[in-house]
Amino acid sequence: MTMIAPKALAKKIIRLIGKKKAEEIVLLDLKKLSSVTDYFVICSVGSDIQARVIADAVMEGLSGKDVISHVEGYETARWILIDCYSVLLHIFRPEVREFYGLERLWGDAPREEYPDES
């Protein structure tokens, strides 16, 4: 098993999803707030197809590193969760992201935003 520091893993995921045009990318640092994970990476996508493309890119980009625990929501692609143990990636359709409001729920978490690269 290849060990990757949680922050380095989060940054790698951000690079992978940025290449596939994920939007409104946010990194929440949960180390002091959660015993479940260290970071949330949250992004929005324009379509269900784009959600799957981004999920596929992350799974391919991290293959062989033994860091993905499981994936949820791939079939419906409205909210895909990729659990990388210390980092949880949330790929949202905008309306689903707004409805669940993870950024509001974890509003105390230190936050980094990554501008869309258009």
N, C-alpha and C. Protein backbone atom coordinates (compact mmCIF):
# COMPACT_ATOMS: atom_id res chain seq x y z
N MET A 1 0.84 -1.19 0.00
CA MET A 1 0.00 0.00 0.00
C MET A 1 0.88 1.25 0.00
N THR A 2 0.61 2.15 -0.91
CA THR A 2 1.36 3.39 -1.01
C THR A 2 0.76 4.41 -0.04
N MET A 3 1.58 4.95 0.83
CA MET A 3 1.09 5.95 1.78
C MET A 3 1.23 7.34 1.17
N ILE A 4 0.14 8.08 1.19
CA ILE A 4 0.14 9.46 0.72
C ILE A 4 -0.40 10.31 1.87
N ALA A 5 0.29 11.36 2.21
CA ALA A 5 -0.17 12.26 3.27
C ALA A 5 -1.55 12.80 2.86
N PRO A 6 -2.46 12.94 3.82
CA PRO A 6 -3.82 13.38 3.50
C PRO A 6 -3.89 14.67 2.69
N LYS A 7 -3.12 15.68 3.05
CA LYS A 7 -3.17 16.95 2.32
C LYS A 7 -2.65 16.76 0.90
N ALA A 8 -1.59 15.97 0.72
CA ALA A 8 -1.05 15.70 -0.61
C ALA A 8 -2.07 14.94 -1.46
N LEU A 9 -2.77 14.01 -0.84
CA LEU A 9 -3.82 13.26 -1.54
C LEU A 9 -4.94 14.21 -1.97
N ALA A 10 -5.36 15.09 -1.08
CA ALA A 10 -6.41 16.06 -1.41
C ALA A 10 -5.99 16.92 -2.59
N LYS A 11 -4.74 17.40 -2.58
CA LYS A 11 -4.24 18.25 -3.66
C LYS A 11 -4.17 17.46 -4.98
N LYS A 12 -3.79 16.20 -4.92
CA LYS A 12 -3.76 15.37 -6.13
C LYS A 12 -5.17 15.22 -6.70
N ILE A 13 -6.14 14.98 -5.83
CA ILE A 13 -7.53 14.86 -6.27
C ILE A 13 -7.99 16.17 -6.91
N ILE A 14 -7.64 17.29 -6.30
CA ILE A 14 -8.03 18.60 -6.84
C ILE A 14 -7.42 18.80 -8.23
N ARG A 15 -6.18 18.40 -8.41
CA ARG A 15 -5.56 18.50 -9.75
C ARG A 15 -6.30 17.63 -10.76
N LEU A 16 -6.64 16.40 -10.36
CA LEU A 16 -7.33 15.48 -11.26
C LEU A 16 -8.70 16.01 -11.67
N ILE A 17 -9.47 16.52 -10.70
CA ILE A 17 -10.82 16.99 -11.04
C ILE A 17 -10.77 18.32 -11.77
N GLY A 18 -9.76 19.12 -11.50
CA GLY A 18 -9.60 20.39 -12.22
C GLY A 18 -9.34 20.17 -13.70
N LYS A 19 -8.59 19.12 -14.02
CA LYS A 19 -8.31 18.80 -15.42
C LYS A 19 -9.57 18.42 -16.19
N LYS A 20 -10.58 17.95 -15.47
CA LYS A 20 -11.84 17.54 -16.10
C LYS A 20 -12.93 18.60 -15.95
N LYS A 21 -12.49 19.82 -15.64
CA LYS A 21 -13.37 21.00 -15.60
C LYS A 21 -14.41 20.97 -14.48
N ALA A 22 -14.06 20.36 -13.34
CA ALA A 22 -14.94 20.48 -12.17
C ALA A 22 -15.03 21.96 -11.80
N GLU A 23 -16.15 22.37 -11.24
CA GLU A 23 -16.38 23.77 -10.90
C GLU A 23 -16.53 23.95 -9.39
N GLU A 24 -16.28 25.16 -8.95
CA GLU A 24 -16.49 25.54 -7.54
C GLU A 24 -15.83 24.53 -6.59
N ILE A 25 -14.55 24.28 -6.82
CA ILE A 25 -13.82 23.30 -6.01
C ILE A 25 -13.46 23.92 -4.67
N VAL A 26 -13.79 23.20 -3.61
CA VAL A 26 -13.53 23.65 -2.25
C VAL A 26 -12.87 22.51 -1.48
N LEU A 27 -11.88 22.86 -0.67
CA LEU A 27 -11.23 21.91 0.22
C LEU A 27 -11.55 22.34 1.65
N LEU A 28 -12.18 21.43 2.41
CA LEU A 28 -12.48 21.69 3.82
C LEU A 28 -11.55 20.85 4.67
N ASP A 29 -10.88 21.49 5.62
CA ASP A 29 -9.97 20.82 6.54
C ASP A 29 -10.76 20.43 7.78
N LEU A 30 -10.99 19.13 7.94
CA LEU A 30 -11.82 18.62 9.04
C LEU A 30 -11.01 17.96 10.14
N LYS A 31 -9.69 18.08 10.08
CA LYS A 31 -8.84 17.35 11.04
C LYS A 31 -9.23 17.60 12.50
N LYS A 32 -9.58 18.83 12.82
CA LYS A 32 -9.91 19.15 14.22
C LYS A 32 -11.40 19.01 14.51
N LEU A 33 -12.20 18.67 13.49
CA LEU A 33 -13.65 18.64 13.65
C LEU A 33 -14.27 17.26 13.49
N SER A 34 -13.53 16.32 12.92
CA SER A 34 -14.11 15.01 12.61
C SER A 34 -13.11 13.90 12.89
N SER A 35 -13.61 12.80 13.41
CA SER A 35 -12.76 11.63 13.59
C SER A 35 -12.89 10.67 12.40
N VAL A 36 -13.74 11.03 11.44
CA VAL A 36 -14.01 10.16 10.29
C VAL A 36 -13.03 10.38 9.15
N THR A 37 -12.68 11.63 8.88
CA THR A 37 -11.80 11.95 7.76
C THR A 37 -11.06 13.25 8.04
N ASP A 38 -10.01 13.51 7.29
CA ASP A 38 -9.23 14.74 7.46
C ASP A 38 -9.71 15.86 6.56
N TYR A 39 -10.14 15.50 5.33
CA TYR A 39 -10.51 16.53 4.35
C TYR A 39 -11.75 16.12 3.56
N PHE A 40 -12.53 17.14 3.19
CA PHE A 40 -13.56 17.01 2.16
C PHE A 40 -13.06 17.79 0.96
N VAL A 41 -13.13 17.20 -0.22
CA VAL A 41 -12.99 17.93 -1.47
C VAL A 41 -14.38 17.93 -2.08
N ILE A 42 -14.90 19.13 -2.37
CA ILE A 42 -16.25 19.27 -2.89
C ILE A 42 -16.17 20.01 -4.22
N CYS A 43 -16.93 19.52 -5.20
CA CYS A 43 -16.97 20.20 -6.49
C CYS A 43 -18.35 20.06 -7.11
N SER A 44 -18.62 20.91 -8.08
CA SER A 44 -19.87 20.85 -8.84
C SER A 44 -19.55 20.47 -10.28
N VAL A 45 -20.54 19.85 -10.93
CA VAL A 45 -20.41 19.45 -12.33
C VAL A 45 -21.68 19.83 -13.07
N GLY A 46 -21.54 19.97 -14.39
CA GLY A 46 -22.66 20.41 -15.21
C GLY A 46 -23.61 19.32 -15.65
N SER A 47 -23.20 18.06 -15.55
CA SER A 47 -24.06 16.97 -16.02
C SER A 47 -23.70 15.67 -15.30
N ASP A 48 -24.61 14.71 -15.39
CA ASP A 48 -24.35 13.39 -14.82
C ASP A 48 -23.17 12.73 -15.52
N ILE A 49 -23.06 12.95 -16.83
CA ILE A 49 -21.94 12.37 -17.59
C ILE A 49 -20.62 12.96 -17.10
N GLN A 50 -20.58 14.27 -16.89
CA GLN A 50 -19.35 14.90 -16.40
C GLN A 50 -19.01 14.36 -15.01
N ALA A 51 -20.01 14.12 -14.18
CA ALA A 51 -19.76 13.57 -12.85
C ALA A 51 -19.05 12.23 -12.96
N ARG A 52 -19.52 11.37 -13.87
CA ARG A 52 -18.89 10.06 -14.04
C ARG A 52 -17.49 10.18 -14.64
N VAL A 53 -17.32 11.12 -15.57
CA VAL A 53 -16.00 11.34 -16.18
C VAL A 53 -14.99 11.74 -15.09
N ILE A 54 -15.41 12.64 -14.21
CA ILE A 54 -14.53 13.09 -13.12
C ILE A 54 -14.24 11.94 -12.16
N ALA A 55 -15.28 11.20 -11.80
CA ALA A 55 -15.07 10.05 -10.91
C ALA A 55 -14.11 9.04 -11.54
N ASP A 56 -14.30 8.77 -12.83
CA ASP A 56 -13.41 7.84 -13.53
C ASP A 56 -11.97 8.35 -13.53
N ALA A 57 -11.80 9.65 -13.77
CA ALA A 57 -10.45 10.24 -13.80
C ALA A 57 -9.76 10.10 -12.44
N VAL A 58 -10.51 10.30 -11.37
CA VAL A 58 -9.94 10.18 -10.03
C VAL A 58 -9.58 8.72 -9.75
N MET A 59 -10.50 7.81 -10.07
CA MET A 59 -10.23 6.40 -9.81
C MET A 59 -9.03 5.92 -10.63
N GLU A 60 -8.92 6.37 -11.87
CA GLU A 60 -7.78 6.00 -12.71
C GLU A 60 -6.50 6.66 -12.19
N GLY A 61 -6.59 7.92 -11.82
CA GLY A 61 -5.42 8.65 -11.34
C GLY A 61 -4.87 8.14 -10.03
N LEU A 62 -5.74 7.49 -9.25
CA LEU A 62 -5.31 6.95 -7.96
C LEU A 62 -5.15 5.43 -7.98
N SER A 63 -5.35 4.82 -9.15
CA SER A 63 -5.25 3.36 -9.22
C SER A 63 -3.84 2.91 -8.86
N GLY A 64 -3.76 1.79 -8.19
CA GLY A 64 -2.47 1.25 -7.79
C GLY A 64 -1.94 1.83 -6.49
N LYS A 65 -2.59 2.87 -5.99
CA LYS A 65 -2.12 3.49 -4.75
C LYS A 65 -2.87 2.94 -3.53
N ASP A 66 -3.90 2.13 -3.77
CA ASP A 66 -4.65 1.49 -2.68
C ASP A 66 -5.21 2.51 -1.70
N VAL A 67 -5.74 3.61 -2.22
CA VAL A 67 -6.26 4.66 -1.33
C VAL A 67 -7.78 4.81 -1.41
N ILE A 68 -8.44 4.13 -2.34
CA ILE A 68 -9.89 4.26 -2.46
C ILE A 68 -10.56 3.14 -1.68
N SER A 69 -11.38 3.53 -0.72
CA SER A 69 -12.12 2.58 0.09
C SER A 69 -13.36 2.11 -0.66
N HIS A 70 -14.20 3.06 -1.08
CA HIS A 70 -15.39 2.72 -1.86
C HIS A 70 -15.94 3.96 -2.58
N VAL A 71 -16.87 3.68 -3.48
CA VAL A 71 -17.51 4.72 -4.28
C VAL A 71 -19.01 4.54 -4.16
N GLU A 72 -19.72 5.66 -3.96
CA GLU A 72 -21.18 5.61 -3.89
C GLU A 72 -21.77 6.61 -4.87
N GLY A 73 -22.95 6.28 -5.40
CA GLY A 73 -23.69 7.21 -6.24
C GLY A 73 -23.27 7.26 -7.69
N TYR A 74 -22.42 6.37 -8.12
CA TYR A 74 -21.91 6.42 -9.50
C TYR A 74 -23.03 6.24 -10.53
N GLU A 75 -23.95 5.35 -10.26
CA GLU A 75 -25.01 5.07 -11.23
C GLU A 75 -25.94 6.27 -11.45
N THR A 76 -26.36 6.91 -10.38
CA THR A 76 -27.27 8.06 -10.53
C THR A 76 -26.51 9.33 -10.86
N ALA A 77 -25.28 9.44 -10.37
CA ALA A 77 -24.34 10.52 -10.70
C ALA A 77 -24.83 11.91 -10.32
N ARG A 78 -25.73 12.01 -9.37
CA ARG A 78 -26.16 13.33 -8.90
C ARG A 78 -25.27 13.78 -7.73
N TRP A 79 -24.78 12.79 -6.98
CA TRP A 79 -23.81 13.02 -5.91
C TRP A 79 -22.95 11.77 -5.85
N ILE A 80 -21.74 11.87 -6.34
CA ILE A 80 -20.82 10.73 -6.28
C ILE A 80 -19.85 10.99 -5.13
N LEU A 81 -19.74 10.02 -4.27
CA LEU A 81 -18.81 10.08 -3.14
C LEU A 81 -17.70 9.07 -3.39
N ILE A 82 -16.47 9.54 -3.36
CA ILE A 82 -15.31 8.65 -3.44
C ILE A 82 -14.58 8.76 -2.11
N ASP A 83 -14.59 7.66 -1.37
CA ASP A 83 -13.99 7.60 -0.04
C ASP A 83 -12.55 7.14 -0.16
N CYS A 84 -11.65 8.05 0.14
CA CYS A 84 -10.20 7.75 0.11
C CYS A 84 -9.65 7.77 1.53
N TYR A 85 -10.44 7.28 2.48
CA TYR A 85 -10.08 7.19 3.88
C TYR A 85 -9.86 8.58 4.50
N SER A 86 -8.73 9.18 4.26
CA SER A 86 -8.43 10.47 4.88
C SER A 86 -9.00 11.65 4.09
N VAL A 87 -9.50 11.38 2.89
CA VAL A 87 -10.10 12.41 2.04
C VAL A 87 -11.39 11.86 1.44
N LEU A 88 -12.46 12.62 1.57
CA LEU A 88 -13.73 12.26 0.93
C LEU A 88 -13.98 13.24 -0.20
N LEU A 89 -14.12 12.73 -1.41
CA LEU A 89 -14.44 13.55 -2.56
C LEU A 89 -15.94 13.51 -2.81
N HIS A 90 -16.55 14.69 -2.87
CA HIS A 90 -17.97 14.83 -3.17
C HIS A 90 -18.11 15.51 -4.52
N ILE A 91 -18.67 14.80 -5.49
CA ILE A 91 -18.92 15.36 -6.82
C ILE A 91 -20.43 15.58 -6.92
N PHE A 92 -20.84 16.84 -6.99
CA PHE A 92 -22.25 17.19 -6.92
C PHE A 92 -22.77 17.83 -8.20
N ARG A 93 -24.02 17.54 -8.53
CA ARG A 93 -24.78 18.42 -9.41
C ARG A 93 -25.13 19.63 -8.54
N PRO A 94 -25.15 20.85 -9.11
CA PRO A 94 -25.33 22.07 -8.31
C PRO A 94 -26.55 22.07 -7.38
N GLU A 95 -27.69 21.59 -7.86
CA GLU A 95 -28.90 21.61 -7.04
C GLU A 95 -28.80 20.65 -5.85
N VAL A 96 -28.10 19.56 -6.03
CA VAL A 96 -27.91 18.59 -4.94
C VAL A 96 -26.92 19.15 -3.92
N ARG A 97 -25.88 19.80 -4.43
CA ARG A 97 -24.90 20.43 -3.53
C ARG A 97 -25.58 21.49 -2.66
N GLU A 98 -26.42 22.28 -3.27
CA GLU A 98 -27.15 23.32 -2.52
C GLU A 98 -28.08 22.69 -1.50
N PHE A 99 -28.80 21.65 -1.89
CA PHE A 99 -29.76 21.00 -1.00
C PHE A 99 -29.08 20.44 0.26
N TYR A 100 -27.97 19.74 0.08
CA TYR A 100 -27.31 19.11 1.24
C TYR A 100 -26.41 20.07 2.00
N GLY A 101 -25.91 21.09 1.37
CA GLY A 101 -25.18 22.16 2.05
C GLY A 101 -24.04 21.72 2.94
N LEU A 102 -23.17 20.86 2.45
CA LEU A 102 -22.05 20.39 3.27
C LEU A 102 -21.18 21.54 3.76
N GLU A 103 -21.00 22.55 2.92
CA GLU A 103 -20.17 23.69 3.34
C GLU A 103 -20.81 24.45 4.49
N ARG A 104 -22.14 24.50 4.52
CA ARG A 104 -22.82 25.13 5.67
C ARG A 104 -22.72 24.25 6.90
N LEU A 105 -22.93 22.95 6.73
CA LEU A 105 -22.88 22.03 7.87
C LEU A 105 -21.50 22.02 8.53
N TRP A 106 -20.46 22.16 7.72
CA TRP A 106 -19.09 22.15 8.21
C TRP A 106 -18.52 23.57 8.13
N GLY A 107 -19.33 24.55 8.44
CA GLY A 107 -18.95 25.95 8.32
C GLY A 107 -17.78 26.37 9.19
N ASP A 108 -17.48 25.62 10.24
CA ASP A 108 -16.34 25.94 11.12
C ASP A 108 -15.01 25.45 10.57
N ALA A 109 -15.06 24.64 9.51
CA ALA A 109 -13.83 24.06 8.96
C ALA A 109 -13.04 25.10 8.17
N PRO A 110 -11.72 25.12 8.35
CA PRO A 110 -10.89 25.95 7.48
C PRO A 110 -11.15 25.55 6.02
N ARG A 111 -11.17 26.56 5.15
CA ARG A 111 -11.63 26.34 3.77
C ARG A 111 -10.64 26.95 2.77
N GLU A 112 -10.40 26.21 1.70
CA GLU A 112 -9.61 26.72 0.58
C GLU A 112 -10.47 26.56 -0.67
N GLU A 113 -10.51 27.63 -1.48
CA GLU A 113 -11.27 27.58 -2.73
C GLU A 113 -10.32 27.57 -3.90
N TYR A 114 -10.68 26.85 -4.93
CA TYR A 114 -9.86 26.73 -6.12
C TYR A 114 -10.67 27.26 -7.29
N PRO A 115 -10.22 28.38 -7.85
CA PRO A 115 -10.99 29.00 -8.94
C PRO A 115 -11.06 28.10 -10.16
N ASP A 116 -12.18 28.21 -10.86
CA ASP A 116 -12.34 27.46 -12.11
C ASP A 116 -11.29 27.95 -13.10
N GLU A 117 -10.68 27.02 -13.77
CA GLU A 117 -9.67 27.38 -14.76
C GLU A 117 -10.29 27.33 -16.14
N SER A 118 -10.86 28.44 -16.57
CA SER A 118 -11.52 28.49 -17.88
C SER A 118 -10.59 29.07 -18.91
